[in-house]
Amino acid sequence: MQWTIVAVYVFLLVVPAMLPLPDRTASIFNNLTVFAQFAFWGIWWPFVLVSMPLLGRAWCGWFCPEGMLSEWASGHGRGRAIPKWMRWGGWPFVAFSLTTIYGQLVSVYQYPWAVLAVLGGSTVAAIMVGWLYGRNKRVWCKYLCPVNGVFNLLAKLAPWHYKVDEDAWRHPERRTETINCAPLVPLRHMTGASDCHMCGRCSDYRGAIQLTPRSPEAEIVHTASGDGWQTALIVFGLMGLAVGAFLWSASPWFVTVKQVAATWLVEHDTYWPLAQNAPWFLLTHYPDVNDSFSWLDGGVILLFIFGAAACVGGPIYLGLWCADRILPLPHQPGVKKVTGAWVPGGSAGLHKMALGLIPAAGIGVFLGLSATTVTLLQHEGVPLFWVPWLRFSLLALAMCWSLRLVWRLTGERAGRMGQRITALGFVALGTLPFCLAWVLFFAVW
């Protein structure tokens, strides 16, 4: 099954890049390039994200072509030890950010060569990492995959996971052969669904591991602790940088900034930033269809994306920080007790509270990706009068769920009712620019 998926993936990745660009009359049903565009960005990516809080990381374990190819290459490669630099905790945030930004610069949602560069480049890197490091492992998936961090966060909401019974592990009913956990999860100490690829290889191992239902809120409230890089990915990645990546092409602010900058350049006799001579793998360059970015376009896109990360992510982080300062902390490493009150000795409380925003962060990325789905369906003449109501309903439900999670997390801090309400208010205020951005995108612009 996995080799079949790999074959379909490679076909849709490579063949459209060899074909002429589609004209305005091209359809999903009569043009392979448009069909591949719909398959990748209209169905695959949006609904892979949806699968994470529903099924855990089953996509990773059963269907992902990159994971399968990386593990296959690892089984035939050099088997080197994983280097220390690869274990750096910031790679999920950095890889997601760089891939998102680069995809916008080369118009990955529109052109097959851009898809080949982004997805194909990632696949080649996955194979190379698999061939160099580990033995029958998914080292790429564990450390360097651009969406590993996103999947890790969303899988915390899955309604089941492989639960480990420590007593049964220590006293197994039967001895079994050692199993290979390709994503490098420490099975005996596995407590959540974040890193597990749901492949089922460890099911019933030593009579101690069973697929078990749970509350979708259990891992965030009781198990996960969060860290600085996960907070950065939630606040400045999914809720900040990604918003800028989705919104810039529809924003009149982008046009205004570009016009002002172009006028200033002309007045100062500086013309090279206005040239549209960048290669397609750096900036969008398709003169045959009258679509090419100038160096100025690329610069303003970067400015808009980073500006969104600051203007949307900044208030969210500030709201979390204020909430963290108000609430007491339970006794744990990094927390000191002073005059009878708990005060932070670090940012553990903030990072824990940031996990409550995962539903809102996830729905934002889904809404942004599904905008391509809606555009392609509109081109096919599908009636979509119901889409605005669905969009805002999903956003509202996700925000309510996030605020509920934050409320429960404030309860774990044993604060007084007034402290909890104030903390929740700070977090809610911080998310207002995030909500406003989607209102502008879907209802104003």
Protein backbone atom coordinates (compact mmCIF):
# COMPACT_ATOMS: atom_id res chain seq x y z
CA MET A 1 0.00 0.00 0.00
CA GLN A 2 2.79 2.41 0.90
CA TRP A 3 4.67 1.75 -2.35
CA THR A 4 1.44 2.46 -4.25
CA ILE A 5 1.11 5.78 -2.45
CA VAL A 6 4.75 6.58 -3.28
CA ALA A 7 4.11 5.84 -6.97
CA VAL A 8 1.04 8.11 -7.09
CA TYR A 9 2.90 10.83 -5.16
CA VAL A 10 5.91 10.79 -7.50
CA PHE A 11 3.66 10.77 -10.56
CA LEU A 12 1.67 13.81 -9.40
CA LEU A 13 4.89 15.53 -8.35
CA VAL A 14 7.00 15.02 -11.47
CA VAL A 15 4.71 14.66 -14.49
CA PRO A 16 2.85 18.01 -14.15
CA ALA A 17 6.22 19.79 -14.03
CA MET A 18 6.97 18.37 -17.48
CA LEU A 19 3.72 19.65 -18.99
CA PRO A 20 2.84 23.15 -20.28
CA LEU A 21 1.20 25.47 -17.78
CA PRO A 22 -2.61 25.21 -17.88
CA ASP A 23 -4.68 27.96 -19.49
CA ARG A 24 -7.74 29.64 -17.98
CA THR A 25 -10.10 26.97 -19.30
CA ALA A 26 -8.21 24.10 -17.65
CA SER A 27 -10.22 22.03 -15.19
CA ILE A 28 -9.59 19.42 -12.53
CA PHE A 29 -11.21 16.91 -14.88
CA ASN A 30 -9.29 17.67 -18.08
CA ASN A 31 -5.85 18.88 -16.97
CA LEU A 32 -3.36 16.84 -14.95
CA THR A 33 -1.59 19.93 -13.59
CA VAL A 34 -4.79 21.36 -12.13
CA PHE A 35 -5.76 17.92 -10.83
CA ALA A 36 -2.40 17.59 -9.07
CA GLN A 37 -2.79 21.09 -7.63
CA PHE A 38 -6.20 20.12 -6.26
CA ALA A 39 -4.88 16.79 -4.94
CA PHE A 40 -1.93 18.34 -3.09
CA TRP A 41 -3.32 21.64 -1.83
CA GLY A 42 -7.08 21.14 -2.07
CA ILE A 43 -7.37 17.73 -0.42
CA TRP A 44 -4.10 16.29 0.82
CA TRP A 45 -2.62 18.98 3.07
CA PRO A 46 -5.82 20.44 4.56
CA PHE A 47 -7.27 17.06 5.46
CA VAL A 48 -4.01 15.53 6.65
CA LEU A 49 -4.13 18.29 9.26
CA VAL A 50 -7.73 17.33 10.11
CA SER A 51 -6.68 13.70 10.53
CA MET A 52 -4.21 14.52 13.31
CA PRO A 53 -6.70 15.47 16.05
CA LEU A 54 -9.06 12.72 14.86
CA LEU A 55 -6.72 9.76 14.31
CA GLY A 56 -3.41 10.82 15.78
CA ARG A 57 -0.41 10.57 13.50
CA ALA A 58 -1.84 7.67 11.53
CA TRP A 59 -0.97 9.53 8.32
CA CYS A 60 2.70 9.44 9.31
CA GLY A 61 2.69 5.73 10.12
CA TRP A 62 0.53 4.43 7.30
CA PHE A 63 0.49 6.78 4.33
CA CYS A 64 3.29 9.36 4.32
CA PRO A 65 5.57 8.75 1.31
CA GLU A 66 8.48 10.67 2.85
CA GLY A 67 8.41 8.66 6.05
CA MET A 68 8.19 5.38 4.18
CA LEU A 69 11.04 6.28 1.81
CA SER A 70 13.22 7.56 4.66
CA GLU A 71 12.76 4.33 6.62
CA TRP A 72 13.40 2.25 3.51
CA ALA A 73 16.61 4.16 2.79
CA SER A 74 17.64 3.77 6.43
CA GLY A 75 17.36 0.02 6.07
CA HIS A 76 19.87 0.04 3.19
CA GLY A 77 22.10 2.93 4.23
CA ARG A 78 25.17 3.58 6.31
CA GLY A 79 23.51 3.48 9.70
CA ARG A 80 25.48 6.29 11.27
CA ALA A 81 24.72 7.65 14.73
CA ILE A 82 22.38 10.63 14.84
CA PRO A 83 24.56 13.77 15.13
CA LYS A 84 24.11 16.17 18.02
CA TRP A 85 23.21 19.13 15.78
CA MET A 86 20.22 17.20 14.44
CA ARG A 87 18.78 16.76 17.92
CA TRP A 88 18.40 20.53 18.41
CA GLY A 89 14.88 21.25 19.63
CA GLY A 90 14.37 24.26 17.38
CA TRP A 91 14.30 22.41 14.07
CA PRO A 92 10.48 21.91 13.95
CA PHE A 93 9.93 25.67 14.25
CA VAL A 94 12.76 26.63 11.89
CA ALA A 95 11.89 24.01 9.25
CA PHE A 96 8.21 24.95 9.28
CA SER A 97 9.00 28.67 9.02
CA LEU A 98 11.52 28.34 6.20
CA THR A 99 9.31 25.99 4.19
CA THR A 100 6.27 28.25 4.61
CA ILE A 101 8.17 31.38 3.58
CA TYR A 102 9.92 29.74 0.64
CA GLY A 103 6.63 28.31 -0.59
CA GLN A 104 5.13 31.78 -0.73
CA LEU A 105 8.09 33.25 -2.60
CA VAL A 106 7.89 30.62 -5.35
CA SER A 107 4.03 30.38 -5.38
CA VAL A 108 3.94 26.74 -4.39
CA TYR A 109 0.12 26.59 -4.50
CA GLN A 110 -0.01 27.62 -8.16
CA TYR A 111 2.92 26.15 -10.09
CA PRO A 112 4.13 22.55 -10.49
CA TRP A 113 7.83 23.46 -10.62
CA ALA A 114 7.45 25.15 -7.24
CA VAL A 115 5.71 22.03 -5.89
CA LEU A 116 8.56 19.92 -7.22
CA ALA A 117 11.10 22.19 -5.52
CA VAL A 118 9.34 22.28 -2.13
CA LEU A 119 7.86 18.79 -1.79
CA GLY A 120 10.38 17.07 -4.02
CA GLY A 121 13.28 18.73 -2.26
CA SER A 122 11.89 17.65 1.10
CA THR A 123 11.49 14.07 -0.15
CA VAL A 124 15.05 13.90 -1.47
CA ALA A 125 16.34 15.27 1.85
CA ALA A 126 14.29 12.64 3.73
CA ILE A 127 15.84 9.85 1.67
CA MET A 128 19.37 11.21 2.14
CA VAL A 129 18.95 11.56 5.92
CA GLY A 130 17.50 8.05 6.08
CA TRP A 131 20.39 6.62 4.07
CA LEU A 132 23.00 8.31 6.28
CA TYR A 133 21.58 7.90 9.79
CA GLY A 134 19.91 5.20 11.85
CA ARG A 135 19.04 1.63 10.92
CA ASN A 136 15.44 1.06 9.83
CA LYS A 137 14.50 4.32 11.55
CA ARG A 138 12.70 7.53 10.58
CA VAL A 139 15.34 10.00 11.69
CA TRP A 140 14.05 12.62 9.24
CA CYS A 141 10.54 12.39 10.67
CA LYS A 142 11.77 12.62 14.26
CA TYR A 143 13.98 15.68 13.88
CA LEU A 144 13.88 17.50 10.53
CA CYS A 145 10.49 17.06 8.83
CA PRO A 146 9.00 20.57 8.27
CA VAL A 147 5.58 19.50 9.54
CA ASN A 148 6.70 17.20 12.35
CA GLY A 149 6.22 19.95 14.92
CA VAL A 150 2.73 20.78 13.62
CA PHE A 151 1.67 17.13 13.63
CA ASN A 152 3.19 16.68 17.09
CA LEU A 153 1.01 19.49 18.44
CA LEU A 154 -2.25 18.50 16.73
CA ALA A 155 -1.89 14.83 17.72
CA LYS A 156 -2.11 15.90 21.38
CA LEU A 157 -5.85 16.28 20.72
CA ALA A 158 -6.34 12.74 19.38
CA PRO A 159 -9.12 10.82 21.20
CA TRP A 160 -6.99 7.66 21.53
CA HIS A 161 -3.39 6.62 21.91
CA TYR A 162 -1.25 3.58 22.60
CA LYS A 163 -1.24 3.39 26.39
CA VAL A 164 1.62 1.70 28.22
CA ASP A 165 0.93 -0.33 31.36
CA GLU A 166 4.12 0.00 33.43
CA ASP A 167 3.23 -2.95 35.68
CA ALA A 168 2.58 -5.25 32.73
CA TRP A 169 5.84 -4.10 31.15
CA ARG A 170 7.81 -5.02 34.26
CA HIS A 171 6.05 -8.38 34.54
CA PRO A 172 5.12 -9.39 30.98
CA GLU A 173 2.68 -12.18 30.40
CA ARG A 174 4.93 -13.48 27.65
CA ARG A 175 8.31 -12.75 26.13
CA THR A 176 8.26 -11.35 22.64
CA GLU A 177 10.87 -10.40 20.12
CA THR A 178 12.21 -6.88 20.08
CA ILE A 179 10.21 -4.59 17.81
CA ASN A 180 11.41 -1.70 15.71
CA CYS A 181 9.87 1.66 16.61
CA ALA A 182 10.82 3.60 13.48
CA PRO A 183 9.98 7.09 14.85
CA LEU A 184 12.29 6.49 17.83
CA VAL A 185 9.66 6.67 20.56
CA PRO A 186 10.81 5.33 23.97
CA LEU A 187 7.98 2.82 24.21
CA ARG A 188 8.22 1.99 27.89
CA HIS A 189 7.85 5.64 28.85
CA MET A 190 5.40 6.69 26.11
CA THR A 191 2.66 8.79 27.71
CA GLY A 192 0.95 10.56 24.79
CA ALA A 193 0.23 10.53 21.07
CA SER A 194 2.53 13.37 20.01
CA ASP A 195 5.48 11.34 18.76
CA CYS A 196 3.71 8.03 18.06
CA HIS A 197 3.06 7.33 14.36
CA MET A 198 0.15 4.97 15.16
CA CYS A 199 1.65 2.24 12.96
CA GLY A 200 0.52 -0.47 15.40
CA ARG A 201 3.83 -2.38 15.43
CA CYS A 202 4.02 -2.17 19.21
CA SER A 203 0.39 -3.11 19.82
CA ASP A 204 0.19 -5.70 22.63
CA TYR A 205 3.98 -5.73 22.97
CA ARG A 206 4.85 -7.54 26.24
CA GLY A 207 1.11 -7.45 26.89
CA ALA A 208 1.62 -3.85 28.01
CA ILE A 209 0.71 -1.59 25.07
CA GLN A 210 -2.91 -1.20 23.99
CA LEU A 211 -4.79 1.23 21.75
CA THR A 212 -6.92 3.07 24.32
CA PRO A 213 -9.59 5.81 24.07
CA ARG A 214 -9.06 8.97 26.08
CA SER A 215 -10.37 12.49 26.43
CA PRO A 216 -9.11 14.74 23.60
CA GLU A 217 -8.04 17.18 26.33
CA ALA A 218 -6.21 14.67 28.51
CA GLU A 219 -2.72 15.02 27.07
CA ILE A 220 -2.69 18.83 27.08
CA VAL A 221 -4.15 19.19 30.56
CA HIS A 222 -2.48 16.31 32.40
CA THR A 223 0.52 14.97 30.48
CA ALA A 224 2.21 17.43 28.13
CA SER A 225 4.49 20.07 29.61
CA GLY A 226 5.33 22.22 26.59
CA ASP A 227 8.59 24.01 25.93
CA GLY A 228 9.86 27.22 24.39
CA TRP A 229 10.11 25.90 20.85
CA GLN A 230 6.57 24.49 20.92
CA THR A 231 5.32 27.84 22.18
CA ALA A 232 7.20 29.60 19.38
CA LEU A 233 5.65 27.24 16.81
CA ILE A 234 2.12 27.77 18.15
CA VAL A 235 2.26 31.52 18.76
CA PHE A 236 4.68 32.89 16.16
CA GLY A 237 4.53 30.05 13.64
CA LEU A 238 0.99 28.71 13.24
CA MET A 239 -0.84 31.77 14.60
CA GLY A 240 1.55 34.44 13.31
CA LEU A 241 3.80 33.64 10.41
CA ALA A 242 1.31 31.29 8.71
CA VAL A 243 -1.41 33.96 8.90
CA GLY A 244 0.88 36.39 7.07
CA ALA A 245 1.65 33.75 4.45
CA PHE A 246 -2.05 33.20 3.75
CA LEU A 247 -3.12 36.85 3.89
CA TRP A 248 -0.50 38.80 1.94
CA SER A 249 -1.88 38.02 -1.53
CA ALA A 250 -5.34 39.36 -0.61
CA SER A 251 -4.27 42.32 1.50
CA PRO A 252 -4.59 45.89 0.20
CA TRP A 253 -1.93 46.80 2.79
CA PHE A 254 0.57 44.72 0.81
CA VAL A 255 -0.21 46.67 -2.36
CA THR A 256 0.06 50.01 -0.53
CA VAL A 257 3.44 49.18 1.00
CA LYS A 258 4.77 47.98 -2.35
CA GLN A 259 3.59 51.12 -4.14
CA VAL A 260 5.15 53.39 -1.53
CA ALA A 261 8.42 51.48 -1.69
CA ALA A 262 8.45 51.51 -5.52
CA THR A 263 7.83 55.26 -5.58
CA TRP A 264 10.68 55.88 -3.15
CA LEU A 265 13.04 53.70 -5.23
CA VAL A 266 12.19 55.52 -8.46
CA GLU A 267 12.64 58.90 -6.81
CA HIS A 268 16.11 57.82 -5.69
CA ASP A 269 17.03 56.34 -9.10
CA THR A 270 17.29 52.80 -7.74
CA TYR A 271 15.75 50.42 -10.25
CA TRP A 272 17.28 47.01 -9.72
CA PRO A 273 14.72 45.98 -7.03
CA LEU A 274 11.99 46.48 -9.65
CA ALA A 275 13.54 43.99 -12.05
CA GLN A 276 11.73 40.70 -12.60
CA ASN A 277 14.80 38.64 -13.41
CA ALA A 278 15.03 36.28 -10.45
CA PRO A 279 15.08 32.53 -11.31
CA TRP A 280 11.89 30.61 -10.67
CA PHE A 281 13.43 28.69 -7.76
CA LEU A 282 14.07 31.94 -5.85
CA LEU A 283 11.04 34.02 -6.78
CA THR A 284 7.98 33.33 -8.91
CA HIS A 285 9.02 33.79 -12.54
CA TYR A 286 6.59 32.65 -15.22
CA PRO A 287 6.55 35.39 -17.90
CA ASP A 288 4.57 33.14 -20.28
CA VAL A 289 1.52 33.60 -18.06
CA ASN A 290 2.44 37.16 -17.04
CA ASP A 291 3.24 36.21 -13.46
CA SER A 292 6.69 37.20 -12.20
CA PHE A 293 7.85 38.66 -8.90
CA SER A 294 10.33 41.48 -8.71
CA TRP A 295 12.95 41.64 -5.99
CA LEU A 296 10.76 44.29 -4.39
CA ASP A 297 7.81 41.87 -4.38
CA GLY A 298 9.92 39.30 -2.57
CA GLY A 299 11.09 41.84 0.00
CA VAL A 300 7.58 43.11 0.73
CA ILE A 301 6.26 39.54 1.04
CA LEU A 302 8.92 38.84 3.66
CA LEU A 303 8.09 42.11 5.41
CA PHE A 304 4.37 41.25 5.47
CA ILE A 305 4.93 37.71 6.78
CA PHE A 306 7.33 38.76 9.52
CA GLY A 307 5.11 41.73 10.34
CA ALA A 308 2.15 39.39 10.77
CA ALA A 309 4.23 37.13 13.01
CA ALA A 310 4.97 40.14 15.23
CA CYS A 311 1.56 41.84 15.10
CA VAL A 312 -0.49 38.66 15.56
CA GLY A 313 1.89 36.45 17.51
CA GLY A 314 3.18 39.24 19.73
CA PRO A 315 -0.16 40.04 21.45
CA ILE A 316 -0.81 36.32 21.95
CA TYR A 317 2.54 35.85 23.65
CA LEU A 318 1.97 38.97 25.74
CA GLY A 319 -1.43 37.67 26.84
CA LEU A 320 0.10 34.34 27.86
CA TRP A 321 2.88 36.12 29.72
CA CYS A 322 0.45 38.28 31.66
CA ALA A 323 -1.70 35.26 32.51
CA ASP A 324 1.38 33.36 33.66
CA ARG A 325 2.43 36.22 35.96
CA ILE A 326 -1.00 36.39 37.60
CA LEU A 327 -1.43 32.70 38.36
CA PRO A 328 0.41 30.72 41.02
CA LEU A 329 2.42 27.72 39.94
CA PRO A 330 2.40 24.22 41.41
CA HIS A 331 5.62 23.03 42.98
CA GLN A 332 7.92 21.77 40.24
CA PRO A 333 11.52 22.28 39.09
CA GLY A 334 12.13 25.87 38.10
CA VAL A 335 9.50 27.22 40.50
CA LYS A 336 10.33 28.95 43.77
CA LYS A 337 8.10 29.64 46.74
CA VAL A 338 8.31 33.17 48.10
CA THR A 339 6.32 34.45 51.12
CA GLY A 340 3.64 31.86 50.70
CA ALA A 341 3.00 32.50 46.99
CA TRP A 342 4.21 30.57 43.98
CA VAL A 343 6.18 32.64 41.49
CA PRO A 344 7.81 31.48 38.26
CA GLY A 345 11.51 30.72 38.28
CA GLY A 346 11.24 30.12 34.54
CA SER A 347 8.56 30.01 31.81
CA ALA A 348 7.18 26.52 32.41
CA GLY A 349 3.72 27.86 33.19
CA LEU A 350 3.60 29.99 30.05
CA HIS A 351 4.63 27.10 27.80
CA LYS A 352 2.07 24.81 29.38
CA MET A 353 -0.68 27.38 28.90
CA ALA A 354 0.34 27.94 25.25
CA LEU A 355 -0.65 24.34 24.52
CA GLY A 356 -4.25 25.34 25.13
CA LEU A 357 -4.16 27.39 21.92
CA ILE A 358 -3.49 24.35 19.72
CA PRO A 359 -7.12 24.07 18.45
CA ALA A 360 -7.14 27.73 17.36
CA ALA A 361 -3.71 27.43 15.77
CA GLY A 362 -4.70 24.27 13.92
CA ILE A 363 -7.97 25.66 12.57
CA GLY A 364 -6.15 28.75 11.32
CA VAL A 365 -3.80 26.68 9.18
CA PHE A 366 -6.69 24.54 7.96
CA LEU A 367 -8.72 27.60 6.95
CA GLY A 368 -5.74 29.05 5.10
CA LEU A 369 -5.00 25.86 3.20
CA SER A 370 -8.65 25.19 2.43
CA ALA A 371 -8.86 28.59 0.73
CA THR A 372 -7.14 26.89 -2.22
CA THR A 373 -9.76 24.13 -2.08
CA VAL A 374 -12.54 26.72 -2.24
CA THR A 375 -10.89 28.62 -5.12
CA LEU A 376 -10.51 25.48 -7.23
CA LEU A 377 -14.08 24.36 -6.53
CA GLN A 378 -15.37 27.81 -7.48
CA HIS A 379 -13.54 27.50 -10.79
CA GLU A 380 -15.43 24.24 -11.35
CA GLY A 381 -18.77 25.97 -10.75
CA VAL A 382 -19.55 24.29 -7.42
CA PRO A 383 -22.03 26.40 -5.35
CA LEU A 384 -20.23 27.50 -2.19
CA PHE A 385 -22.67 29.92 -0.53
CA TRP A 386 -22.31 27.92 2.70
CA VAL A 387 -18.53 28.31 2.97
CA PRO A 388 -18.40 31.65 4.89
CA TRP A 389 -20.75 30.32 7.56
CA LEU A 390 -18.72 27.13 7.89
CA ARG A 391 -15.45 29.04 8.13
CA PHE A 392 -16.56 31.33 10.91
CA SER A 393 -18.33 28.50 12.73
CA LEU A 394 -15.14 26.43 12.73
CA LEU A 395 -13.09 29.42 13.87
CA ALA A 396 -15.55 30.17 16.68
CA LEU A 397 -15.66 26.55 17.85
CA ALA A 398 -11.87 26.27 17.80
CA MET A 399 -11.50 29.51 19.77
CA CYS A 400 -14.04 28.32 22.34
CA TRP A 401 -12.20 25.02 22.68
CA SER A 402 -8.87 26.79 23.11
CA LEU A 403 -10.28 29.09 25.79
CA ARG A 404 -11.81 26.08 27.54
CA LEU A 405 -8.41 24.38 27.55
CA VAL A 406 -6.75 27.52 28.90
CA TRP A 407 -9.42 27.69 31.60
CA ARG A 408 -8.73 24.09 32.60
CA LEU A 409 -5.00 24.78 32.64
CA THR A 410 -5.54 27.74 34.94
CA GLY A 411 -7.37 25.34 37.26
CA GLU A 412 -4.25 23.16 37.37
CA ARG A 413 -2.41 26.17 38.78
CA ALA A 414 -4.68 26.25 41.87
CA GLY A 415 -5.40 29.93 41.51
CA ARG A 416 -8.34 31.79 42.97
CA MET A 417 -11.40 32.30 40.77
CA GLY A 418 -10.59 35.97 40.19
CA GLN A 419 -7.03 35.10 39.12
CA ARG A 420 -8.28 32.46 36.71
CA ILE A 421 -10.85 34.78 35.12
CA THR A 422 -8.29 37.56 34.73
CA ALA A 423 -5.74 35.18 33.22
CA LEU A 424 -8.30 33.86 30.76
CA GLY A 425 -9.21 37.43 29.84
CA PHE A 426 -5.59 38.28 29.05
CA VAL A 427 -5.26 35.24 26.78
CA ALA A 428 -8.57 36.02 25.04
CA LEU A 429 -7.51 39.63 24.44
CA GLY A 430 -4.23 38.44 23.00
CA THR A 431 -6.02 36.34 20.38
CA LEU A 432 -8.13 39.23 19.06
CA PRO A 433 -5.64 40.20 16.28
CA PHE A 434 -5.60 36.54 15.19
CA CYS A 435 -9.40 36.48 14.88
CA LEU A 436 -9.44 39.89 13.20
CA ALA A 437 -6.97 38.70 10.58
CA TRP A 438 -9.34 35.95 9.46
CA VAL A 439 -12.31 38.31 9.45
CA LEU A 440 -10.36 40.64 7.16
CA PHE A 441 -9.34 37.77 4.90
CA PHE A 442 -12.73 36.11 4.54
CA ALA A 443 -15.20 38.98 4.97
CA VAL A 444 -13.48 42.30 4.16
CA TRP A 445 -10.74 41.76 1.60
